[in-house]
Amino acid sequence: MAASQRFCPICGTQTDDAFCPTDKVATFTVTNPGGEPARFAAGDVVAGK
């Protein structure tokens, strides 16, 4: 089984779902198909948030 490709920005849970089952918020993709891997780390500011 492949590793999950999405994660929750609140709790960090990795999932294949578009929404976190715990926090009910949209998840982010871990990689960008055809592009470079996302480079988010704990504490990073994204879009001012």
PDB file of N, CA and C in Angstrom:
ATOM      1  N   MET A   1       0.838  -1.187   0.000  1.00  0.00           N
ATOM      2  CA  MET A   1       0.000   0.000   0.000  1.00  0.00           C
ATOM      3  C   MET A   1       0.880   1.247   0.000  1.00  0.00           C
ATOM      4  N   ALA A   2       0.527   2.217  -0.804  1.00  0.00           N
ATOM      5  CA  ALA A   2       1.301   3.462  -0.909  1.00  0.00           C
ATOM      6  C   ALA A   2       1.057   4.339   0.315  1.00  0.00           C
ATOM      7  N   ALA A   3       2.017   5.185   0.600  1.00  0.00           N
ATOM      8  CA  ALA A   3       1.879   6.115   1.717  1.00  0.00           C
ATOM      9  C   ALA A   3       0.789   7.129   1.396  1.00  0.00           C
ATOM     10  N   SER A   4       0.153   7.645   2.438  1.00  0.00           N
ATOM     11  CA  SER A   4      -0.875   8.663   2.256  1.00  0.00           C
ATOM     12  C   SER A   4      -0.279   9.878   1.570  1.00  0.00           C
ATOM     13  N   GLN A   5      -1.059  10.499   0.715  1.00  0.00           N
ATOM     14  CA  GLN A   5      -0.571  11.622  -0.070  1.00  0.00           C
ATOM     15  C   GLN A   5      -1.122  12.965   0.402  1.00  0.00           C
ATOM     16  N   ARG A   6      -1.889  13.001   1.487  1.00  0.00           N
ATOM     17  CA  ARG A   6      -2.472  14.244   1.988  1.00  0.00           C
ATOM     18  C   ARG A   6      -2.253  14.315   3.497  1.00  0.00           C
ATOM     19  N   PHE A   7      -2.294  15.549   4.055  1.00  0.00           N
ATOM     20  CA  PHE A   7      -2.174  15.687   5.501  1.00  0.00           C
ATOM     21  C   PHE A   7      -3.057  16.821   5.998  1.00  0.00           C
ATOM     22  N   CYS A   8      -3.454  16.733   7.257  1.00  0.00           N
ATOM     23  CA  CYS A   8      -4.292  17.744   7.894  1.00  0.00           C
ATOM     24  C   CYS A   8      -3.403  18.871   8.419  1.00  0.00           C
ATOM     25  N   PRO A   9      -3.728  20.135   8.097  1.00  0.00           N
ATOM     26  CA  PRO A   9      -2.905  21.249   8.568  1.00  0.00           C
ATOM     27  C   PRO A   9      -3.064  21.526  10.060  1.00  0.00           C
ATOM     28  N   ILE A  10      -4.089  20.955  10.690  1.00  0.00           N
ATOM     29  CA  ILE A  10      -4.317  21.191  12.117  1.00  0.00           C
ATOM     30  C   ILE A  10      -3.648  20.121  12.974  1.00  0.00           C
ATOM     31  N   CYS A  11      -3.974  18.848  12.707  1.00  0.00           N
ATOM     32  CA  CYS A  11      -3.457  17.780  13.571  1.00  0.00           C
ATOM     33  C   CYS A  11      -2.290  17.011  12.954  1.00  0.00           C
ATOM     34  N   GLY A  12      -2.041  17.216  11.646  1.00  0.00           N
ATOM     35  CA  GLY A  12      -0.918  16.547  11.000  1.00  0.00           C
ATOM     36  C   GLY A  12      -1.183  15.119  10.569  1.00  0.00           C
ATOM     37  N   THR A  13      -2.410  14.642  10.757  1.00  0.00           N
ATOM     38  CA  THR A  13      -2.752  13.287  10.355  1.00  0.00           C
ATOM     39  C   THR A  13      -2.552  13.110   8.857  1.00  0.00           C
ATOM     40  N   GLN A  14      -1.930  12.011   8.459  1.00  0.00           N
ATOM     41  CA  GLN A  14      -1.781  11.702   7.039  1.00  0.00           C
ATOM     42  C   GLN A  14      -2.951  10.832   6.619  1.00  0.00           C
ATOM     43  N   THR A  15      -3.551  11.163   5.495  1.00  0.00           N
ATOM     44  CA  THR A  15      -4.744  10.476   5.023  1.00  0.00           C
ATOM     45  C   THR A  15      -4.814  10.537   3.510  1.00  0.00           C
ATOM     46  N   ASP A  16      -5.670   9.730   2.922  1.00  0.00           N
ATOM     47  CA  ASP A  16      -5.939   9.806   1.489  1.00  0.00           C
ATOM     48  C   ASP A  16      -7.198  10.628   1.221  1.00  0.00           C
ATOM     49  N   ASP A  17      -7.879  11.049   2.294  1.00  0.00           N
ATOM     50  CA  ASP A  17      -9.140  11.779   2.173  1.00  0.00           C
ATOM     51  C   ASP A  17      -8.924  13.266   1.918  1.00  0.00           C
ATOM     52  N   ALA A  18      -9.891  13.890   1.237  1.00  0.00           N
ATOM     53  CA  ALA A  18      -9.826  15.327   0.952  1.00  0.00           C
ATOM     54  C   ALA A  18     -10.086  16.160   2.206  1.00  0.00           C
ATOM     55  N   PHE A  19     -10.750  15.563   3.215  1.00  0.00           N
ATOM     56  CA  PHE A  19     -11.037  16.248   4.474  1.00  0.00           C
ATOM     57  C   PHE A  19     -10.580  15.384   5.638  1.00  0.00           C
ATOM     58  N   CYS A  20     -10.027  16.011   6.670  1.00  0.00           N
ATOM     59  CA  CYS A  20      -9.561  15.292   7.860  1.00  0.00           C
ATOM     60  C   CYS A  20     -10.764  14.692   8.586  1.00  0.00           C
ATOM     61  N   PRO A  21     -10.733  13.397   8.892  1.00  0.00           N
ATOM     62  CA  PRO A  21     -11.853  12.779   9.597  1.00  0.00           C
ATOM     63  C   PRO A  21     -12.007  13.293  11.031  1.00  0.00           C
ATOM     64  N   THR A  22     -10.953  13.828  11.613  1.00  0.00           N
ATOM     65  CA  THR A  22     -11.000  14.335  12.984  1.00  0.00           C
ATOM     66  C   THR A  22     -11.398  15.798  13.038  1.00  0.00           C
ATOM     67  N   ASP A  23     -10.703  16.644  12.273  1.00  0.00           N
ATOM     68  CA  ASP A  23     -10.903  18.094  12.349  1.00  0.00           C
ATOM     69  C   ASP A  23     -11.893  18.637  11.321  1.00  0.00           C
ATOM     70  N   LYS A  24     -12.272  17.818  10.343  1.00  0.00           N
ATOM     71  CA  LYS A  24     -13.253  18.215   9.317  1.00  0.00           C
ATOM     72  C   LYS A  24     -12.808  19.411   8.478  1.00  0.00           C
ATOM     73  N   VAL A  25     -11.501  19.552   8.256  1.00  0.00           N
ATOM     74  CA  VAL A  25     -10.964  20.617   7.407  1.00  0.00           C
ATOM     75  C   VAL A  25     -10.313  19.988   6.178  1.00  0.00           C
ATOM     76  N   ALA A  26     -10.167  20.787   5.121  1.00  0.00           N
ATOM     77  CA  ALA A  26      -9.530  20.299   3.900  1.00  0.00           C
ATOM     78  C   ALA A  26      -8.081  19.922   4.181  1.00  0.00           C
ATOM     79  N   THR A  27      -7.634  18.839   3.552  1.00  0.00           N
ATOM     80  CA  THR A  27      -6.254  18.395   3.711  1.00  0.00           C
ATOM     81  C   THR A  27      -5.401  18.927   2.567  1.00  0.00           C
ATOM     82  N   PHE A  28      -4.092  18.982   2.787  1.00  0.00           N
ATOM     83  CA  PHE A  28      -3.130  19.426   1.785  1.00  0.00           C
ATOM     84  C   PHE A  28      -2.474  18.215   1.151  1.00  0.00           C
ATOM     85  N   THR A  29      -2.094  18.351  -0.119  1.00  0.00           N
ATOM     86  CA  THR A  29      -1.345  17.277  -0.756  1.00  0.00           C
ATOM     87  C   THR A  29       0.102  17.334  -0.284  1.00  0.00           C
ATOM     88  N   VAL A  30       0.696  16.163  -0.137  1.00  0.00           N
ATOM     89  CA  VAL A  30       2.090  16.077   0.288  1.00  0.00           C
ATOM     90  C   VAL A  30       3.002  16.350  -0.896  1.00  0.00           C
ATOM     91  N   THR A  31       2.614  15.888  -2.075  1.00  0.00           N
ATOM     92  CA  THR A  31       3.411  16.122  -3.275  1.00  0.00           C
ATOM     93  C   THR A  31       2.545  16.761  -4.346  1.00  0.00           C
ATOM     94  N   ASN A  32       3.181  17.411  -5.272  1.00  0.00           N
ATOM     95  CA  ASN A  32       2.519  18.035  -6.403  1.00  0.00           C
ATOM     96  C   ASN A  32       2.797  17.163  -7.614  1.00  0.00           C
ATOM     97  N   PRO A  33       1.790  16.448  -8.138  1.00  0.00           N
ATOM     98  CA  PRO A  33       2.040  15.579  -9.288  1.00  0.00           C
ATOM     99  C   PRO A  33       2.700  16.351 -10.431  1.00  0.00           C
ATOM    100  N   GLY A  34       3.828  15.866 -10.872  1.00  0.00           N
ATOM    101  CA  GLY A  34       4.537  16.516 -11.959  1.00  0.00           C
ATOM    102  C   GLY A  34       5.409  17.668 -11.508  1.00  0.00           C
ATOM    103  N   GLY A  35       5.466  17.915 -10.218  1.00  0.00           N
ATOM    104  CA  GLY A  35       6.262  19.030  -9.715  1.00  0.00           C
ATOM    105  C   GLY A  35       7.165  18.596  -8.582  1.00  0.00           C
ATOM    106  N   GLU A  36       7.707  19.559  -7.897  1.00  0.00           N
ATOM    107  CA  GLU A  36       8.567  19.272  -6.759  1.00  0.00           C
ATOM    108  C   GLU A  36       7.712  18.919  -5.543  1.00  0.00           C
ATOM    109  N   PRO A  37       8.252  18.131  -4.617  1.00  0.00           N
ATOM    110  CA  PRO A  37       7.512  17.829  -3.391  1.00  0.00           C
ATOM    111  C   PRO A  37       7.237  19.109  -2.597  1.00  0.00           C
ATOM    112  N   ALA A  38       6.096  19.123  -1.917  1.00  0.00           N
ATOM    113  CA  ALA A  38       5.781  20.254  -1.044  1.00  0.00           C
ATOM    114  C   ALA A  38       6.810  20.300   0.073  1.00  0.00           C
ATOM    115  N   ARG A  39       7.180  21.492   0.482  1.00  0.00           N
ATOM    116  CA  ARG A  39       8.209  21.628   1.516  1.00  0.00           C
ATOM    117  C   ARG A  39       7.659  22.405   2.701  1.00  0.00           C
ATOM    118  N   PHE A  40       6.670  21.828   3.362  1.00  0.00           N
ATOM    119  CA  PHE A  40       6.092  22.433   4.553  1.00  0.00           C
ATOM    120  C   PHE A  40       6.732  21.812   5.784  1.00  0.00           C
ATOM    121  N   ALA A  41       6.982  22.633   6.768  1.00  0.00           N
ATOM    122  CA  ALA A  41       7.497  22.146   8.045  1.00  0.00           C
ATOM    123  C   ALA A  41       6.649  22.747   9.156  1.00  0.00           C
ATOM    124  N   ALA A  42       6.703  22.157  10.311  1.00  0.00           N
ATOM    125  CA  ALA A  42       5.961  22.681  11.455  1.00  0.00           C
ATOM    126  C   ALA A  42       6.319  24.143  11.671  1.00  0.00           C
ATOM    127  N   GLY A  43       5.299  24.984  11.797  1.00  0.00           N
ATOM    128  CA  GLY A  43       5.522  26.401  12.049  1.00  0.00           C
ATOM    129  C   GLY A  43       5.626  27.261  10.805  1.00  0.00           C
ATOM    130  N   ASP A  44       5.627  26.659   9.610  1.00  0.00           N
ATOM    131  CA  ASP A  44       5.688  27.441   8.375  1.00  0.00           C
ATOM    132  C   ASP A  44       4.430  28.294   8.219  1.00  0.00           C
ATOM    133  N   VAL A  45       4.590  29.489   7.669  1.00  0.00           N
ATOM    134  CA  VAL A  45       3.462  30.365   7.375  1.00  0.00           C
ATOM    135  C   VAL A  45       3.119  30.193   5.900  1.00  0.00           C
ATOM    136  N   VAL A  46       1.862  29.834   5.626  1.00  0.00           N
ATOM    137  CA  VAL A  46       1.397  29.631   4.265  1.00  0.00           C
ATOM    138  C   VAL A  46       0.220  30.571   4.029  1.00  0.00           C
ATOM    139  N   ALA A  47       0.335  31.422   3.040  1.00  0.00           N
ATOM    140  CA  ALA A  47      -0.720  32.388   2.702  1.00  0.00           C
ATOM    141  C   ALA A  47      -1.091  33.242   3.912  1.00  0.00           C
ATOM    142  N   GLY A  48      -0.110  33.591   4.723  1.00  0.00           N
ATOM    143  CA  GLY A  48      -0.346  34.458   5.871  1.00  0.00           C
ATOM    144  C   GLY A  48      -1.044  33.797   7.037  1.00  0.00           C
ATOM    145  N   LYS A  49      -1.164  32.476   7.000  1.00  0.00           N
ATOM    146  CA  LYS A  49      -1.875  31.764   8.079  1.00  0.00           C
ATOM    147  C   LYS A  49      -0.971  30.774   8.759  1.00  0.00           C
TER     148      LYS A  49
END
